[in-house]
Amino acid sequence: MSKLPVIKPKELIKILKNFGFVEHRQKGSHLILKHSDGQRAVIPIHQGRDIPTGTLRSILNDADISVDELTKYL
């Protein structure tokens, strides 16, 4: 298993859109993306901050994306 990269929220949103996720709604600083098969990913969008590694790992698990697949798109 690869080491998780440091990534900005906007980069992660672009990558998830490449995997077929679309913006569903936003509540405050959290953007909810949905996939056609029912998967959901919640992305925290805070100005000037990277996504913490634990949060990134959780988002990838929710979206059923491996770290290797994520690094292909970086």
Protein backbone atom coordinates (compact mmCIF):
# COMPACT_ATOMS: atom_id res chain seq x y z
CA MET A 1 0.00 0.00 0.00
CA SER A 2 1.29 3.43 -0.95
CA LYS A 3 1.72 6.36 1.35
CA LEU A 4 -1.11 8.88 1.24
CA PRO A 5 -0.28 12.12 -0.59
CA VAL A 6 -0.93 15.58 0.78
CA ILE A 7 -3.80 16.99 -1.24
CA LYS A 8 -5.96 20.11 -1.38
CA PRO A 9 -9.77 19.80 -1.34
CA LYS A 10 -10.18 21.19 -4.88
CA GLU A 11 -7.73 18.61 -6.26
CA LEU A 12 -9.61 15.80 -4.54
CA ILE A 13 -12.94 17.03 -5.92
CA LYS A 14 -11.54 17.00 -9.47
CA ILE A 15 -10.23 13.46 -8.98
CA LEU A 16 -13.52 12.20 -7.57
CA LYS A 17 -15.37 13.75 -10.51
CA ASN A 18 -13.10 11.74 -12.81
CA PHE A 19 -14.31 8.62 -10.98
CA GLY A 20 -17.93 9.54 -11.76
CA PHE A 21 -18.94 11.48 -8.65
CA VAL A 22 -21.12 14.58 -9.06
CA GLU A 23 -21.85 17.44 -6.68
CA HIS A 24 -25.03 16.66 -4.77
CA ARG A 25 -25.24 19.45 -2.20
CA GLN A 26 -23.21 21.57 0.17
CA LYS A 27 -23.82 22.36 3.82
CA GLY A 28 -21.48 24.98 5.20
CA SER A 29 -17.91 24.02 4.41
CA HIS A 30 -18.70 20.40 3.53
CA LEU A 31 -19.40 19.36 -0.06
CA ILE A 32 -21.30 16.10 -0.57
CA LEU A 33 -20.54 14.21 -3.76
CA LYS A 34 -22.64 11.26 -4.94
CA HIS A 35 -22.01 8.46 -7.40
CA SER A 36 -24.66 6.83 -9.57
CA ASP A 37 -24.26 3.54 -7.66
CA GLY A 38 -25.19 5.23 -4.36
CA GLN A 39 -21.75 5.90 -2.88
CA ARG A 40 -21.27 9.20 -1.11
CA ALA A 41 -18.20 11.25 -0.22
CA VAL A 42 -18.11 14.27 2.08
CA ILE A 43 -15.27 16.69 1.38
CA PRO A 44 -14.33 19.38 3.95
CA ILE A 45 -13.45 22.61 2.16
CA HIS A 46 -11.43 24.93 4.40
CA GLN A 47 -9.43 27.74 2.83
CA GLY A 48 -5.68 27.26 2.89
CA ARG A 49 -5.79 23.82 4.52
CA ASP A 50 -4.89 20.40 3.17
CA ILE A 51 -7.12 17.42 3.85
CA PRO A 52 -5.80 15.53 6.91
CA THR A 53 -4.50 12.03 6.16
CA GLY A 54 -7.08 10.26 8.33
CA THR A 55 -9.90 12.17 6.68
CA LEU A 56 -8.49 11.43 3.23
CA ARG A 57 -8.28 7.72 4.03
CA SER A 58 -11.90 7.76 5.22
CA ILE A 59 -13.06 9.57 2.06
CA LEU A 60 -11.25 7.03 -0.12
CA ASN A 61 -12.82 4.14 1.81
CA ASP A 62 -16.29 5.68 1.39
CA ALA A 63 -15.68 6.17 -2.33
CA ASP A 64 -14.15 2.68 -2.72
CA ILE A 65 -10.95 4.09 -4.25
CA SER A 66 -7.48 2.74 -3.43
CA VAL A 67 -4.48 4.94 -2.71
CA ASP A 68 -2.78 3.63 -5.86
CA GLU A 69 -5.76 4.68 -7.99
CA LEU A 70 -5.68 8.13 -6.38
CA THR A 71 -1.97 8.62 -7.10
CA LYS A 72 -2.53 7.78 -10.80
CA TYR A 73 -4.63 10.92 -11.13
CA LEU A 74 -2.17 13.25 -9.34
